Amino acid sequence: MDLVEIAPRLHMLRFSVGQAYVWRDDAELTLVDAGWPGAADEIATALRGAGLDPSRLRRIVLTHCHRDHVGSAGALADRFGAEILAHTVDAPVVRGELPVPEPDLLDWEKPLYAHGLTAPEAPPTRVDRELADGDELGFGDGAVALHTPGHTPGSLAVHLPRHGVLFTGDTVASVPDVMFGVFHVDRAEALASMRRLAALRPSVLCCGHGEPVTEDAAERLATAARLGPAPV
C-alpha cells in the first residue's frame, strides 16, 4: 500500500484496486473511505510512516456501501475510537441489515464486476452517524456531505468548499482521465449526481478509482459530465 501526499493536509491511500483518503486537521485525522477488508494494519502502518498518528483518527466517512470502501472501517474505528459516518440510505447495507444493491451492468462491465466479487466481503459494520444531504461533517473547515444517488442509492460525496477539494466516491472515476464511473445501480441518477458535482468546480478532485486530479480539475470534470457515459 502506498500513502501519497496530494497536498500538505491531504493524502491518498492507494490499494491494489481503488483508494481511500486522509485529511489532516490540527488535532485529528479523517478518513474518507476505508479500503478493503483486512487492511487496517497496513493503513495504520502507512499513516505512521508519513508521520501521522493513527490514534488521532476521529471519523471515517463512507462514500457508499461497497466492500472496497467499507472494508476496514470497523476494525479501524474499534482500534482508534473513530466514529463511522454513512448516508442514511446506505447505512443499513453497511450494517449488514440489507443486501448490497445490484448494479445495472452494461455488457462490458460484467466481467470486471464479477472479478471484484472474488474479493472478501466487508463485514457488517456499525454506523455511528447517519448523514443527509447538506450535513456538516466537523472537519476540513466546513466539510459538507452531498447525497449523490446513482452508483448506490445512498452514495455521497464530500465537499470541502474552503479548500476546493471534492471526494466523489465512485460516481466519478479518473481512469485514465476524469470520466463517468461504472457499476451504477441507476445510471441516469448517477449522471445527474455527477453533473451536480461538476457545478461545484473543485480545484482538487479525489475519486474512488484513479489518480487525484490537481490540474484543471473543474474543467475536466465539467467536460466529463457533459459527455456522460462513454460510447460502447
Protein backbone atom coordinates (compact mmCIF):
# COMPACT_ATOMS: atom_id res chain seq x y z
CA MET A 1 0.00 0.00 0.00
CA ASP A 2 1.22 3.49 -0.86
CA LEU A 3 0.46 6.69 1.04
CA VAL A 4 0.76 9.60 -1.38
CA GLU A 5 0.74 13.26 -0.38
CA ILE A 6 -1.63 15.27 -2.57
CA ALA A 7 -1.44 18.49 -0.54
CA PRO A 8 0.00 19.33 2.90
CA ARG A 9 -3.24 18.28 4.62
CA LEU A 10 -4.39 15.63 2.15
CA HIS A 11 -3.04 12.14 1.46
CA MET A 12 -4.21 9.21 -0.62
CA LEU A 13 -4.02 5.57 0.50
CA ARG A 14 -3.53 3.59 -2.70
CA PHE A 15 -4.64 -0.05 -2.64
CA SER A 16 -4.17 -2.61 -5.40
CA VAL A 17 -7.63 -1.56 -6.57
CA GLY A 18 -9.06 1.79 -5.55
CA GLN A 19 -8.09 4.17 -2.78
CA ALA A 20 -9.08 6.00 0.36
CA TYR A 21 -8.12 9.48 1.50
CA VAL A 22 -6.77 11.04 4.69
CA TRP A 23 -7.49 14.64 5.67
CA ARG A 24 -5.43 16.17 8.49
CA ASP A 25 -6.71 18.93 10.75
CA ASP A 26 -4.55 20.28 13.55
CA ALA A 27 -5.69 17.84 16.21
CA GLU A 28 -7.29 14.99 14.29
CA LEU A 29 -7.44 12.83 11.18
CA THR A 30 -10.40 11.94 8.98
CA LEU A 31 -10.57 9.03 6.56
CA VAL A 32 -12.80 9.22 3.51
CA ASP A 33 -13.46 5.52 2.84
CA ALA A 34 -11.53 2.68 4.45
CA GLY A 35 -10.27 0.36 1.74
CA TRP A 36 -10.60 -3.40 1.59
CA PRO A 37 -11.32 -5.80 4.46
CA GLY A 38 -8.20 -6.79 6.35
CA ALA A 39 -6.24 -3.62 5.56
CA ALA A 40 -6.39 -1.96 9.00
CA ASP A 41 -2.82 -2.88 9.96
CA GLU A 42 -1.43 -1.66 6.65
CA ILE A 43 -3.37 1.59 6.91
CA ALA A 44 -2.10 2.25 10.43
CA THR A 45 1.47 1.48 9.36
CA ALA A 46 1.19 3.75 6.32
CA LEU A 47 -0.11 6.60 8.46
CA ARG A 48 2.76 6.23 10.92
CA GLY A 49 5.24 6.11 8.05
CA ALA A 50 4.02 9.53 6.92
CA GLY A 51 4.34 10.97 10.41
CA LEU A 52 0.59 10.78 11.08
CA ASP A 53 -0.64 9.32 14.37
CA PRO A 54 -3.50 6.84 13.75
CA SER A 55 -4.68 7.33 17.34
CA ARG A 56 -5.83 10.78 16.16
CA LEU A 57 -8.32 9.22 13.76
CA ARG A 58 -11.67 10.75 14.73
CA ARG A 59 -14.03 9.81 11.90
CA ILE A 60 -14.38 7.60 8.85
CA VAL A 61 -16.77 8.90 6.19
CA LEU A 62 -18.03 6.18 3.85
CA THR A 63 -18.98 7.37 0.38
CA HIS A 64 -21.06 4.22 -0.19
CA CYS A 65 -21.64 0.65 0.89
CA HIS A 66 -19.31 -1.34 -1.41
CA ARG A 67 -16.70 -3.67 0.08
CA ASP A 68 -13.67 -1.75 -1.23
CA HIS A 69 -14.85 1.37 0.62
CA VAL A 70 -16.32 -0.07 3.84
CA GLY A 71 -13.81 -2.91 4.26
CA SER A 72 -11.57 -1.88 7.17
CA ALA A 73 -13.78 0.83 8.68
CA GLY A 74 -14.98 -1.24 11.63
CA ALA A 75 -11.52 -2.51 12.57
CA LEU A 76 -10.01 0.98 12.41
CA ALA A 77 -12.87 2.55 14.33
CA ASP A 78 -12.68 -0.07 17.09
CA ARG A 79 -8.92 0.25 17.37
CA PHE A 80 -8.66 4.05 17.40
CA GLY A 81 -12.04 5.20 18.70
CA ALA A 82 -13.24 6.81 15.48
CA GLU A 83 -16.88 7.25 14.53
CA ILE A 84 -18.23 5.90 11.25
CA LEU A 85 -20.46 8.07 9.07
CA ALA A 86 -22.58 7.00 6.09
CA HIS A 87 -25.64 8.22 4.26
CA THR A 88 -28.87 7.11 5.87
CA VAL A 89 -29.95 5.12 2.78
CA ASP A 90 -26.75 3.05 2.57
CA ALA A 91 -26.34 2.71 6.35
CA PRO A 92 -28.50 -0.47 6.66
CA VAL A 93 -26.38 -2.09 3.93
CA VAL A 94 -23.16 -1.13 5.73
CA ARG A 95 -24.56 -2.68 8.92
CA GLY A 96 -25.44 -5.89 7.08
CA GLU A 97 -29.18 -5.46 7.55
CA LEU A 98 -29.89 -5.21 3.81
CA PRO A 99 -28.09 -6.72 0.80
CA VAL A 100 -25.76 -4.68 -1.36
CA PRO A 101 -27.89 -3.31 -4.23
CA GLU A 102 -27.21 -4.92 -7.60
CA PRO A 103 -25.88 -2.63 -10.33
CA ASP A 104 -27.44 -2.28 -13.77
CA LEU A 105 -24.41 -3.52 -15.71
CA LEU A 106 -23.52 -2.87 -19.31
CA ASP A 107 -22.17 -5.93 -21.14
CA TRP A 108 -18.55 -4.74 -20.96
CA GLU A 109 -18.86 -4.10 -17.21
CA LYS A 110 -19.99 -7.63 -16.34
CA PRO A 111 -16.58 -9.41 -16.34
CA LEU A 112 -14.97 -6.54 -14.42
CA TYR A 113 -17.72 -6.61 -11.79
CA ALA A 114 -17.57 -10.41 -11.49
CA HIS A 115 -13.83 -10.20 -10.85
CA GLY A 116 -14.41 -7.79 -7.97
CA LEU A 117 -16.83 -10.24 -6.35
CA THR A 118 -13.97 -12.68 -5.75
CA ALA A 119 -12.56 -10.34 -3.07
CA PRO A 120 -13.66 -10.74 0.57
CA GLU A 121 -16.97 -9.13 1.52
CA ALA A 122 -16.94 -6.31 4.01
CA PRO A 123 -18.07 -7.46 7.45
CA PRO A 124 -21.21 -5.91 8.94
CA THR A 125 -20.01 -2.53 10.16
CA ARG A 126 -21.61 -0.15 12.62
CA VAL A 127 -22.67 3.33 11.53
CA ASP A 128 -22.43 5.86 14.33
CA ARG A 129 -23.90 8.79 12.43
CA GLU A 130 -26.33 8.67 9.52
CA LEU A 131 -25.98 11.54 7.09
CA ALA A 132 -28.34 13.53 4.90
CA ASP A 133 -27.65 15.94 2.07
CA GLY A 134 -26.05 19.14 3.32
CA ASP A 135 -24.91 17.82 6.70
CA GLU A 136 -21.73 19.38 8.04
CA LEU A 137 -19.11 16.81 8.96
CA GLY A 138 -16.94 18.55 11.54
CA PHE A 139 -13.61 18.62 9.72
CA GLY A 140 -11.82 20.40 6.90
CA ASP A 141 -13.02 23.89 7.88
CA GLY A 142 -16.59 23.11 6.91
CA ALA A 143 -16.77 19.80 5.04
CA VAL A 144 -20.26 19.02 3.75
CA ALA A 145 -21.92 15.73 2.77
CA LEU A 146 -23.71 15.71 -0.58
CA HIS A 147 -26.18 12.97 -1.42
CA THR A 148 -25.21 11.65 -4.88
CA PRO A 149 -27.54 8.73 -5.62
CA GLY A 150 -27.00 6.51 -8.61
CA HIS A 151 -23.87 4.48 -8.00
CA THR A 152 -25.74 3.21 -4.96
CA PRO A 153 -28.95 4.73 -3.61
CA GLY A 154 -27.09 6.18 -0.63
CA SER A 155 -23.87 7.28 -2.29
CA LEU A 156 -22.45 10.57 -1.11
CA ALA A 157 -19.67 12.98 -1.97
CA VAL A 158 -17.70 15.10 0.49
CA HIS A 159 -17.02 18.73 -0.38
CA LEU A 160 -14.50 20.98 1.37
CA PRO A 161 -15.53 24.34 -0.12
CA ARG A 162 -12.85 26.38 1.66
CA HIS A 163 -10.15 24.16 0.16
CA GLY A 164 -11.72 23.39 -3.21
CA VAL A 165 -11.45 19.65 -2.51
CA LEU A 166 -14.14 17.20 -3.65
CA PHE A 167 -14.27 13.50 -2.80
CA THR A 168 -16.62 11.85 -5.29
CA GLY A 169 -16.72 8.20 -4.26
CA ASP A 170 -17.43 6.09 -7.35
CA THR A 171 -19.84 8.46 -9.07
CA VAL A 172 -16.79 9.80 -10.91
CA ALA A 173 -13.57 7.98 -11.84
CA SER A 174 -10.24 9.23 -13.17
CA VAL A 175 -9.03 6.23 -15.17
CA PRO A 176 -7.05 7.41 -17.08
CA ASP A 177 -8.76 10.82 -17.16
CA VAL A 178 -11.89 12.12 -15.47
CA MET A 179 -14.86 10.04 -16.56
CA PHE A 180 -18.31 8.83 -15.55
CA GLY A 181 -17.96 5.94 -13.09
CA VAL A 182 -19.03 2.33 -13.58
CA PHE A 183 -21.22 -0.30 -11.89
CA HIS A 184 -24.11 2.08 -11.17
CA VAL A 185 -27.43 0.94 -9.74
CA ASP A 186 -29.16 3.77 -11.61
CA ARG A 187 -27.10 5.24 -14.45
CA ALA A 188 -29.38 8.23 -15.04
CA GLU A 189 -29.34 9.20 -11.37
CA ALA A 190 -25.58 8.80 -11.24
CA LEU A 191 -25.13 11.09 -14.25
CA ALA A 192 -27.38 13.72 -12.65
CA SER A 193 -25.27 13.45 -9.49
CA MET A 194 -22.07 13.85 -11.50
CA ARG A 195 -23.40 16.99 -13.13
CA ARG A 196 -24.30 18.38 -9.71
CA LEU A 197 -20.73 17.78 -8.58
CA ALA A 198 -19.34 19.42 -11.70
CA ALA A 199 -21.23 22.61 -10.82
CA LEU A 200 -19.08 22.88 -7.65
CA ARG A 201 -15.96 23.46 -9.81
CA PRO A 202 -13.43 21.84 -7.49
CA SER A 203 -9.72 22.55 -7.75
CA VAL A 204 -8.80 19.11 -6.37
CA LEU A 205 -10.80 16.04 -7.39
CA CYS A 206 -10.44 12.81 -5.39
CA CYS A 207 -12.23 9.85 -6.96
CA GLY A 208 -12.67 6.34 -5.64
CA HIS A 209 -10.68 4.91 -8.56
CA GLY A 210 -7.92 6.68 -10.45
CA GLU A 211 -5.34 9.31 -9.64
CA PRO A 212 -6.28 12.53 -7.84
CA VAL A 213 -6.79 15.43 -10.21
CA THR A 214 -4.99 18.62 -9.18
CA GLU A 215 -4.69 20.41 -12.52
CA ASP A 216 -7.69 21.80 -14.41
CA ALA A 217 -9.97 19.69 -12.22
CA ALA A 218 -13.07 21.84 -12.68
CA GLU A 219 -12.77 21.91 -16.46
CA ARG A 220 -12.01 18.21 -16.76
CA LEU A 221 -14.93 17.26 -14.52
CA ALA A 222 -17.27 19.59 -16.40
CA THR A 223 -16.23 18.08 -19.74
CA ALA A 224 -16.72 14.52 -18.47
CA ALA A 225 -20.13 15.40 -17.03
CA ARG A 226 -21.18 16.96 -20.33
CA LEU A 227 -20.06 13.92 -22.32
CA GLY A 228 -21.66 11.44 -19.93
CA PRO A 229 -21.19 7.67 -20.33
CA ALA A 230 -18.53 6.61 -22.82
CA PRO A 231 -19.94 5.11 -26.02
CA VAL A 232 -19.75 1.33 -26.12
